[in-house]
Amino acid sequence: MAVMASVRRMQEYTPGSSTPGMNVVAVAILLGAIATGGAVSALLLNPVPVVVTTVIGLLLAPSPKIAQQWERAIVLRFGRYVGLRGPGLF
């Protein structure tokens, strides 16, 4: 039982073991798009702007990536090597 708990604890803290999700910047982009659409929608009394900006926010949210301190990432643009990026936003 103790071995199983220690294995489970090691898996929780292993770098890169968590499933990829939305980062803080992606959530800020999505919420900003929804807020902008809501404001325009309230001014025009029309629900279309909030729907359009929500779709745009959902398309833009996955674009920013944040590498952890122990990660390095290869950046490709249009299939061409751009460079190797270290920790932080890219």
PDB file of N, CA and C in Angstrom:
ATOM      1  N   MET A   1       0.814  -1.185   0.000  1.00  0.00           N
ATOM      2  CA  MET A   1       0.000   0.000   0.000  1.00  0.00           C
ATOM      3  C   MET A   1       0.867   1.261   0.000  1.00  0.00           C
ATOM      4  N   ALA A   2       1.957   1.255   0.796  1.00  0.00           N
ATOM      5  CA  ALA A   2       2.837   2.419   0.855  1.00  0.00           C
ATOM      6  C   ALA A   2       3.569   2.623  -0.466  1.00  0.00           C
ATOM      7  N   VAL A   3       3.925   1.517  -1.131  1.00  0.00           N
ATOM      8  CA  VAL A   3       4.618   1.620  -2.407  1.00  0.00           C
ATOM      9  C   VAL A   3       3.690   2.258  -3.446  1.00  0.00           C
ATOM     10  N   MET A   4       2.431   1.861  -3.461  1.00  0.00           N
ATOM     11  CA  MET A   4       1.476   2.400  -4.407  1.00  0.00           C
ATOM     12  C   MET A   4       1.278   3.901  -4.171  1.00  0.00           C
ATOM     13  N   ALA A   5       1.239   4.317  -2.902  1.00  0.00           N
ATOM     14  CA  ALA A   5       1.074   5.740  -2.589  1.00  0.00           C
ATOM     15  C   ALA A   5       2.285   6.535  -3.033  1.00  0.00           C
ATOM     16  N   SER A   6       3.491   5.985  -2.847  1.00  0.00           N
ATOM     17  CA  SER A   6       4.686   6.720  -3.261  1.00  0.00           C
ATOM     18  C   SER A   6       4.786   6.791  -4.787  1.00  0.00           C
ATOM     19  N   VAL A   7       4.376   5.753  -5.491  1.00  0.00           N
ATOM     20  CA  VAL A   7       4.380   5.783  -6.950  1.00  0.00           C
ATOM     21  C   VAL A   7       3.382   6.817  -7.437  1.00  0.00           C
ATOM     22  N   ARG A   8       2.207   6.843  -6.834  1.00  0.00           N
ATOM     23  CA  ARG A   8       1.193   7.813  -7.214  1.00  0.00           C
ATOM     24  C   ARG A   8       1.683   9.233  -6.936  1.00  0.00           C
ATOM     25  N   ARG A   9       2.368   9.436  -5.805  1.00  0.00           N
ATOM     26  CA  ARG A   9       2.889  10.746  -5.459  1.00  0.00           C
ATOM     27  C   ARG A   9       3.977  11.166  -6.438  1.00  0.00           C
ATOM     28  N   MET A  10       4.840  10.230  -6.856  1.00  0.00           N
ATOM     29  CA  MET A  10       5.880  10.548  -7.834  1.00  0.00           C
ATOM     30  C   MET A  10       5.265  10.933  -9.172  1.00  0.00           C
ATOM     31  N   GLN A  11       4.207  10.270  -9.578  1.00  0.00           N
ATOM     32  CA  GLN A  11       3.567  10.589 -10.845  1.00  0.00           C
ATOM     33  C   GLN A  11       2.951  11.977 -10.820  1.00  0.00           C
ATOM     34  N   GLU A  12       2.457  12.397  -9.662  1.00  0.00           N
ATOM     35  CA  GLU A  12       1.837  13.713  -9.557  1.00  0.00           C
ATOM     36  C   GLU A  12       2.847  14.835  -9.763  1.00  0.00           C
ATOM     37  N   TYR A  13       4.081  14.648  -9.320  1.00  0.00           N
ATOM     38  CA  TYR A  13       5.071  15.708  -9.361  1.00  0.00           C
ATOM     39  C   TYR A  13       6.077  15.568 -10.489  1.00  0.00           C
ATOM     40  N   THR A  14       5.911  14.592 -11.355  1.00  0.00           N
ATOM     41  CA  THR A  14       6.839  14.409 -12.457  1.00  0.00           C
ATOM     42  C   THR A  14       6.612  15.496 -13.500  1.00  0.00           C
ATOM     43  N   PRO A  15       7.651  16.230 -13.899  1.00  0.00           N
ATOM     44  CA  PRO A  15       7.478  17.269 -14.913  1.00  0.00           C
ATOM     45  C   PRO A  15       6.961  16.687 -16.223  1.00  0.00           C
ATOM     46  N   GLY A  16       6.007  17.353 -16.806  1.00  0.00           N
ATOM     47  CA  GLY A  16       5.468  16.929 -18.086  1.00  0.00           C
ATOM     48  C   GLY A  16       4.441  15.822 -17.992  1.00  0.00           C
ATOM     49  N   SER A  17       4.106  15.359 -16.794  1.00  0.00           N
ATOM     50  CA  SER A  17       3.159  14.268 -16.665  1.00  0.00           C
ATOM     51  C   SER A  17       1.720  14.750 -16.702  1.00  0.00           C
ATOM     52  N   SER A  18       1.512  16.047 -16.493  1.00  0.00           N
ATOM     53  CA  SER A  18       0.145  16.549 -16.519  1.00  0.00           C
ATOM     54  C   SER A  18      -0.332  16.663 -17.957  1.00  0.00           C
ATOM     55  N   THR A  19      -1.623  16.563 -18.120  1.00  0.00           N
ATOM     56  CA  THR A  19      -2.172  16.674 -19.467  1.00  0.00           C
ATOM     57  C   THR A  19      -2.134  18.129 -19.906  1.00  0.00           C
ATOM     58  N   PRO A  20      -1.868  18.364 -21.182  1.00  0.00           N
ATOM     59  CA  PRO A  20      -1.812  19.750 -21.653  1.00  0.00           C
ATOM     60  C   PRO A  20      -3.191  20.390 -21.584  1.00  0.00           C
ATOM     61  N   GLY A  21      -3.227  21.616 -21.136  1.00  0.00           N
ATOM     62  CA  GLY A  21      -4.484  22.328 -21.031  1.00  0.00           C
ATOM     63  C   GLY A  21      -4.303  23.760 -21.450  1.00  0.00           C
ATOM     64  N   MET A  22      -5.278  24.562 -21.142  1.00  0.00           N
ATOM     65  CA  MET A  22      -5.192  25.973 -21.490  1.00  0.00           C
ATOM     66  C   MET A  22      -4.334  26.686 -20.449  1.00  0.00           C
ATOM     67  N   ASN A  23      -3.481  27.573 -20.903  1.00  0.00           N
ATOM     68  CA  ASN A  23      -2.650  28.329 -19.981  1.00  0.00           C
ATOM     69  C   ASN A  23      -3.321  29.663 -19.658  1.00  0.00           C
ATOM     70  N   VAL A  24      -2.708  30.441 -18.809  1.00  0.00           N
ATOM     71  CA  VAL A  24      -3.278  31.694 -18.334  1.00  0.00           C
ATOM     72  C   VAL A  24      -3.464  32.696 -19.474  1.00  0.00           C
ATOM     73  N   VAL A  25      -2.511  32.753 -20.377  1.00  0.00           N
ATOM     74  CA  VAL A  25      -2.608  33.690 -21.496  1.00  0.00           C
ATOM     75  C   VAL A  25      -3.767  33.303 -22.413  1.00  0.00           C
ATOM     76  N   ALA A  26      -3.946  32.012 -22.659  1.00  0.00           N
ATOM     77  CA  ALA A  26      -5.038  31.550 -23.509  1.00  0.00           C
ATOM     78  C   ALA A  26      -6.393  31.876 -22.886  1.00  0.00           C
ATOM     79  N   VAL A  27      -6.512  31.697 -21.586  1.00  0.00           N
ATOM     80  CA  VAL A  27      -7.764  32.023 -20.902  1.00  0.00           C
ATOM     81  C   VAL A  27      -8.019  33.526 -20.964  1.00  0.00           C
ATOM     82  N   ALA A  28      -6.975  34.339 -20.816  1.00  0.00           N
ATOM     83  CA  ALA A  28      -7.133  35.795 -20.896  1.00  0.00           C
ATOM     84  C   ALA A  28      -7.582  36.222 -22.290  1.00  0.00           C
ATOM     85  N   ILE A  29      -7.045  35.592 -23.330  1.00  0.00           N
ATOM     86  CA  ILE A  29      -7.464  35.900 -24.696  1.00  0.00           C
ATOM     87  C   ILE A  29      -8.927  35.552 -24.895  1.00  0.00           C
ATOM     88  N   LEU A  30      -9.325  34.378 -24.430  1.00  0.00           N
ATOM     89  CA  LEU A  30     -10.713  33.943 -24.585  1.00  0.00           C
ATOM     90  C   LEU A  30     -11.673  34.851 -23.819  1.00  0.00           C
ATOM     91  N   LEU A  31     -11.349  35.160 -22.568  1.00  0.00           N
ATOM     92  CA  LEU A  31     -12.226  36.026 -21.772  1.00  0.00           C
ATOM     93  C   LEU A  31     -12.267  37.448 -22.324  1.00  0.00           C
ATOM     94  N   GLY A  32     -11.145  37.940 -22.835  1.00  0.00           N
ATOM     95  CA  GLY A  32     -11.121  39.269 -23.454  1.00  0.00           C
ATOM     96  C   GLY A  32     -11.992  39.325 -24.696  1.00  0.00           C
ATOM     97  N   ALA A  33     -11.951  38.271 -25.499  1.00  0.00           N
ATOM     98  CA  ALA A  33     -12.784  38.220 -26.703  1.00  0.00           C
ATOM     99  C   ALA A  33     -14.261  38.168 -26.336  1.00  0.00           C
ATOM    100  N   ILE A  34     -14.597  37.376 -25.336  1.00  0.00           N
ATOM    101  CA  ILE A  34     -16.001  37.287 -24.909  1.00  0.00           C
ATOM    102  C   ILE A  34     -16.471  38.607 -24.329  1.00  0.00           C
ATOM    103  N   ALA A  35     -15.628  39.270 -23.527  1.00  0.00           N
ATOM    104  CA  ALA A  35     -16.005  40.564 -22.941  1.00  0.00           C
ATOM    105  C   ALA A  35     -16.181  41.631 -24.017  1.00  0.00           C
ATOM    106  N   THR A  36     -15.288  41.641 -24.999  1.00  0.00           N
ATOM    107  CA  THR A  36     -15.411  42.606 -26.100  1.00  0.00           C
ATOM    108  C   THR A  36     -16.687  42.359 -26.884  1.00  0.00           C
ATOM    109  N   GLY A  37     -16.952  41.110 -27.183  1.00  0.00           N
ATOM    110  CA  GLY A  37     -18.181  40.769 -27.902  1.00  0.00           C
ATOM    111  C   GLY A  37     -19.425  41.102 -27.103  1.00  0.00           C
ATOM    112  N   GLY A  38     -19.363  40.906 -25.798  1.00  0.00           N
ATOM    113  CA  GLY A  38     -20.503  41.251 -24.941  1.00  0.00           C
ATOM    114  C   GLY A  38     -20.755  42.741 -24.908  1.00  0.00           C
ATOM    115  N   ALA A  39     -19.682  43.521 -24.867  1.00  0.00           N
ATOM    116  CA  ALA A  39     -19.842  44.980 -24.855  1.00  0.00           C
ATOM    117  C   ALA A  39     -20.427  45.484 -26.171  1.00  0.00           C
ATOM    118  N   VAL A  40     -19.905  44.986 -27.279  1.00  0.00           N
ATOM    119  CA  VAL A  40     -20.427  45.397 -28.588  1.00  0.00           C
ATOM    120  C   VAL A  40     -21.859  44.906 -28.763  1.00  0.00           C
ATOM    121  N   SER A  41     -22.124  43.709 -28.288  1.00  0.00           N
ATOM    122  CA  SER A  41     -23.472  43.162 -28.371  1.00  0.00           C
ATOM    123  C   SER A  41     -24.466  43.978 -27.551  1.00  0.00           C
ATOM    124  N   ALA A  42     -24.045  44.455 -26.392  1.00  0.00           N
ATOM    125  CA  ALA A  42     -24.920  45.283 -25.570  1.00  0.00           C
ATOM    126  C   ALA A  42     -25.184  46.639 -26.217  1.00  0.00           C
ATOM    127  N   LEU A  43     -24.166  47.188 -26.884  1.00  0.00           N
ATOM    128  CA  LEU A  43     -24.351  48.474 -27.565  1.00  0.00           C
ATOM    129  C   LEU A  43     -25.286  48.353 -28.766  1.00  0.00           C
ATOM    130  N   LEU A  44     -25.152  47.271 -29.519  1.00  0.00           N
ATOM    131  CA  LEU A  44     -25.955  47.100 -30.727  1.00  0.00           C
ATOM    132  C   LEU A  44     -27.279  46.377 -30.484  1.00  0.00           C
ATOM    133  N   LEU A  45     -27.446  45.843 -29.275  1.00  0.00           N
ATOM    134  CA  LEU A  45     -28.626  45.039 -28.933  1.00  0.00           C
ATOM    135  C   LEU A  45     -28.807  43.879 -29.918  1.00  0.00           C
ATOM    136  N   ASN A  46     -27.696  43.226 -30.219  1.00  0.00           N
ATOM    137  CA  ASN A  46     -27.668  42.139 -31.180  1.00  0.00           C
ATOM    138  C   ASN A  46     -26.718  41.066 -30.640  1.00  0.00           C
ATOM    139  N   PRO A  47     -27.127  39.791 -30.606  1.00  0.00           N
ATOM    140  CA  PRO A  47     -26.264  38.740 -30.043  1.00  0.00           C
ATOM    141  C   PRO A  47     -25.161  38.256 -30.989  1.00  0.00           C
ATOM    142  N   VAL A  48     -25.139  38.695 -32.214  1.00  0.00           N
ATOM    143  CA  VAL A  48     -24.160  38.195 -33.190  1.00  0.00           C
ATOM    144  C   VAL A  48     -22.716  38.536 -32.805  1.00  0.00           C
ATOM    145  N   PRO A  49     -22.406  39.769 -32.355  1.00  0.00           N
ATOM    146  CA  PRO A  49     -20.999  40.062 -32.022  1.00  0.00           C
ATOM    147  C   PRO A  49     -20.404  39.167 -30.936  1.00  0.00           C
ATOM    148  N   VAL A  50     -21.190  38.812 -29.930  1.00  0.00           N
ATOM    149  CA  VAL A  50     -20.649  37.957 -28.871  1.00  0.00           C
ATOM    150  C   VAL A  50     -20.370  36.549 -29.409  1.00  0.00           C
ATOM    151  N   VAL A  51     -21.176  36.069 -30.329  1.00  0.00           N
ATOM    152  CA  VAL A  51     -20.942  34.752 -30.920  1.00  0.00           C
ATOM    153  C   VAL A  51     -19.688  34.788 -31.794  1.00  0.00           C
ATOM    154  N   VAL A  52     -19.566  35.815 -32.611  1.00  0.00           N
ATOM    155  CA  VAL A  52     -18.409  35.932 -33.519  1.00  0.00           C
ATOM    156  C   VAL A  52     -17.109  36.071 -32.729  1.00  0.00           C
ATOM    157  N   THR A  53     -17.093  36.938 -31.721  1.00  0.00           N
ATOM    158  CA  THR A  53     -15.853  37.123 -30.957  1.00  0.00           C
ATOM    159  C   THR A  53     -15.517  35.901 -30.102  1.00  0.00           C
ATOM    160  N   THR A  54     -16.533  35.152 -29.664  1.00  0.00           N
ATOM    161  CA  THR A  54     -16.269  33.917 -28.927  1.00  0.00           C
ATOM    162  C   THR A  54     -15.603  32.891 -29.837  1.00  0.00           C
ATOM    163  N   VAL A  55     -16.075  32.777 -31.063  1.00  0.00           N
ATOM    164  CA  VAL A  55     -15.452  31.848 -32.019  1.00  0.00           C
ATOM    165  C   VAL A  55     -14.015  32.287 -32.322  1.00  0.00           C
ATOM    166  N   ILE A  56     -13.816  33.584 -32.503  1.00  0.00           N
ATOM    167  CA  ILE A  56     -12.456  34.096 -32.751  1.00  0.00           C
ATOM    168  C   ILE A  56     -11.558  33.824 -31.535  1.00  0.00           C
ATOM    169  N   GLY A  57     -12.088  34.039 -30.342  1.00  0.00           N
ATOM    170  CA  GLY A  57     -11.320  33.757 -29.124  1.00  0.00           C
ATOM    171  C   GLY A  57     -10.962  32.290 -28.994  1.00  0.00           C
ATOM    172  N   LEU A  58     -11.892  31.401 -29.357  1.00  0.00           N
ATOM    173  CA  LEU A  58     -11.608  29.966 -29.309  1.00  0.00           C
ATOM    174  C   LEU A  58     -10.553  29.569 -30.339  1.00  0.00           C
ATOM    175  N   LEU A  59     -10.518  30.264 -31.467  1.00  0.00           N
ATOM    176  CA  LEU A  59      -9.494  29.965 -32.468  1.00  0.00           C
ATOM    177  C   LEU A  59      -8.123  30.507 -32.076  1.00  0.00           C
ATOM    178  N   LEU A  60      -8.085  31.637 -31.384  1.00  0.00           N
ATOM    179  CA  LEU A  60      -6.810  32.248 -30.989  1.00  0.00           C
ATOM    180  C   LEU A  60      -6.252  31.707 -29.675  1.00  0.00           C
ATOM    181  N   ALA A  61      -7.086  31.134 -28.823  1.00  0.00           N
ATOM    182  CA  ALA A  61      -6.642  30.689 -27.496  1.00  0.00           C
ATOM    183  C   ALA A  61      -5.521  29.651 -27.527  1.00  0.00           C
ATOM    184  N   PRO A  62      -5.521  28.676 -28.438  1.00  0.00           N
ATOM    185  CA  PRO A  62      -4.430  27.693 -28.412  1.00  0.00           C
ATOM    186  C   PRO A  62      -3.090  28.204 -28.949  1.00  0.00           C
ATOM    187  N   SER A  63      -3.037  29.406 -29.500  1.00  0.00           N
ATOM    188  CA  SER A  63      -1.805  29.857 -30.141  1.00  0.00           C
ATOM    189  C   SER A  63      -0.658  30.191 -29.182  1.00  0.00           C
ATOM    190  N   PRO A  64      -0.865  30.869 -28.053  1.00  0.00           N
ATOM    191  CA  PRO A  64       0.308  31.116 -27.191  1.00  0.00           C
ATOM    192  C   PRO A  64       0.690  29.868 -26.407  1.00  0.00           C
ATOM    193  N   LYS A  65       1.977  29.606 -26.341  1.00  0.00           N
ATOM    194  CA  LYS A  65       2.504  28.465 -25.596  1.00  0.00           C
ATOM    195  C   LYS A  65       3.431  28.976 -24.501  1.00  0.00           C
ATOM    196  N   ILE A  66       3.396  28.327 -23.354  1.00  0.00           N
ATOM    197  CA  ILE A  66       4.277  28.677 -22.248  1.00  0.00           C
ATOM    198  C   ILE A  66       5.079  27.433 -21.893  1.00  0.00           C
ATOM    199  N   ALA A  67       6.394  27.522 -22.051  1.00  0.00           N
ATOM    200  CA  ALA A  67       7.271  26.405 -21.705  1.00  0.00           C
ATOM    201  C   ALA A  67       7.651  26.511 -20.227  1.00  0.00           C
ATOM    202  N   GLN A  68       7.664  25.398 -19.554  1.00  0.00           N
ATOM    203  CA  GLN A  68       8.071  25.355 -18.152  1.00  0.00           C
ATOM    204  C   GLN A  68       9.590  25.481 -18.067  1.00  0.00           C
ATOM    205  N   GLN A  69      10.104  25.629 -16.853  1.00  0.00           N
ATOM    206  CA  GLN A  69      11.541  25.843 -16.668  1.00  0.00           C
ATOM    207  C   GLN A  69      12.385  24.686 -17.196  1.00  0.00           C
ATOM    208  N   TRP A  70      11.881  23.483 -17.157  1.00  0.00           N
ATOM    209  CA  TRP A  70      12.653  22.325 -17.555  1.00  0.00           C
ATOM    210  C   TRP A  70      12.412  21.951 -19.025  1.00  0.00           C
ATOM    211  N   GLU A  71      11.622  22.734 -19.747  1.00  0.00           N
ATOM    212  CA  GLU A  71      11.290  22.404 -21.130  1.00  0.00           C
ATOM    213  C   GLU A  71      12.001  23.311 -22.133  1.00  0.00           C
ATOM    214  N   ARG A  72      12.250  22.769 -23.297  1.00  0.00           N
ATOM    215  CA  ARG A  72      12.710  23.547 -24.448  1.00  0.00           C
ATOM    216  C   ARG A  72      11.826  23.127 -25.607  1.00  0.00           C
ATOM    217  N   ALA A  73      11.552  24.055 -26.494  1.00  0.00           N
ATOM    218  CA  ALA A  73      10.641  23.758 -27.592  1.00  0.00           C
ATOM    219  C   ALA A  73      11.247  24.186 -28.915  1.00  0.00           C
ATOM    220  N   ILE A  74      10.987  23.397 -29.936  1.00  0.00           N
ATOM    221  CA  ILE A  74      11.384  23.747 -31.293  1.00  0.00           C
ATOM    222  C   ILE A  74      10.217  24.484 -31.924  1.00  0.00           C
ATOM    223  N   VAL A  75      10.483  25.669 -32.462  1.00  0.00           N
ATOM    224  CA  VAL A  75       9.431  26.474 -33.069  1.00  0.00           C
ATOM    225  C   VAL A  75       9.524  26.338 -34.581  1.00  0.00           C
ATOM    226  N   LEU A  76       8.415  25.903 -35.175  1.00  0.00           N
ATOM    227  CA  LEU A  76       8.316  25.771 -36.622  1.00  0.00           C
ATOM    228  C   LEU A  76       7.237  26.729 -37.105  1.00  0.00           C
ATOM    229  N   ARG A  77       7.520  27.457 -38.155  1.00  0.00           N
ATOM    230  CA  ARG A  77       6.519  28.323 -38.779  1.00  0.00           C
ATOM    231  C   ARG A  77       6.424  27.929 -40.239  1.00  0.00           C
ATOM    232  N   PHE A  78       5.236  27.542 -40.659  1.00  0.00           N
ATOM    233  CA  PHE A  78       4.998  27.064 -42.016  1.00  0.00           C
ATOM    234  C   PHE A  78       5.951  25.927 -42.376  1.00  0.00           C
ATOM    235  N   GLY A  79       6.243  25.068 -41.396  1.00  0.00           N
ATOM    236  CA  GLY A  79       7.081  23.905 -41.623  1.00  0.00           C
ATOM    237  C   GLY A  79       8.577  24.176 -41.637  1.00  0.00           C
ATOM    238  N   ARG A  80       8.974  25.416 -41.424  1.00  0.00           N
ATOM    239  CA  ARG A  80      10.400  25.762 -41.429  1.00  0.00           C
ATOM    240  C   ARG A  80      10.869  26.005 -39.999  1.00  0.00           C
ATOM    241  N   TYR A  81      12.083  25.579 -39.722  1.00  0.00           N
ATOM    242  CA  TYR A  81      12.678  25.741 -38.400  1.00  0.00           C
ATOM    243  C   TYR A  81      12.948  27.221 -38.135  1.00  0.00           C
ATOM    244  N   VAL A  82      12.396  27.743 -37.037  1.00  0.00           N
ATOM    245  CA  VAL A  82      12.618  29.138 -36.658  1.00  0.00           C
ATOM    246  C   VAL A  82      13.648  29.230 -35.539  1.00  0.00           C
ATOM    247  N   GLY A  83      13.570  28.313 -34.587  1.00  0.00           N
ATOM    248  CA  GLY A  83      14.545  28.343 -33.511  1.00  0.00           C
ATOM    249  C   GLY A  83      14.138  27.468 -32.345  1.00  0.00           C
ATOM    250  N   LEU A  84      14.999  27.434 -31.373  1.00  0.00           N
ATOM    251  CA  LEU A  84      14.777  26.686 -30.148  1.00  0.00           C
ATOM    252  C   LEU A  84      14.461  27.689 -29.057  1.00  0.00           C
ATOM    253  N   ARG A  85      13.352  27.508 -28.370  1.00  0.00           N
ATOM    254  CA  ARG A  85      12.911  28.454 -27.332  1.00  0.00           C
ATOM    255  C   ARG A  85      12.988  27.773 -25.970  1.00  0.00           C
ATOM    256  N   GLY A  86      13.366  28.577 -25.001  1.00  0.00           N
ATOM    257  CA  GLY A  86      13.467  28.086 -23.642  1.00  0.00           C
ATOM    258  C   GLY A  86      12.226  28.407 -22.845  1.00  0.00           C
ATOM    259  N   PRO A  87      12.346  28.497 -21.538  1.00  0.00           N
ATOM    260  CA  PRO A  87      11.208  28.757 -20.673  1.00  0.00           C
ATOM    261  C   PRO A  87      10.555  30.104 -20.964  1.00  0.00           C
ATOM    262  N   GLY A  88       9.253  30.143 -20.820  1.00  0.00           N
ATOM    263  CA  GLY A  88       8.517  31.387 -20.985  1.00  0.00           C
ATOM    264  C   GLY A  88       7.511  31.324 -22.111  1.00  0.00           C
ATOM    265  N   LEU A  89       6.982  32.473 -22.442  1.00  0.00           N
ATOM    266  CA  LEU A  89       5.937  32.598 -23.447  1.00  0.00           C
ATOM    267  C   LEU A  89       6.552  32.729 -24.831  1.00  0.00           C
ATOM    268  N   PHE A  90       6.038  31.947 -25.782  1.00  0.00           N
ATOM    269  CA  PHE A  90       6.469  32.084 -27.173  1.00  0.00           C
ATOM    270  C   PHE A  90       5.323  31.747 -28.099  1.00  0.00           C
TER     271      PHE A  90
END
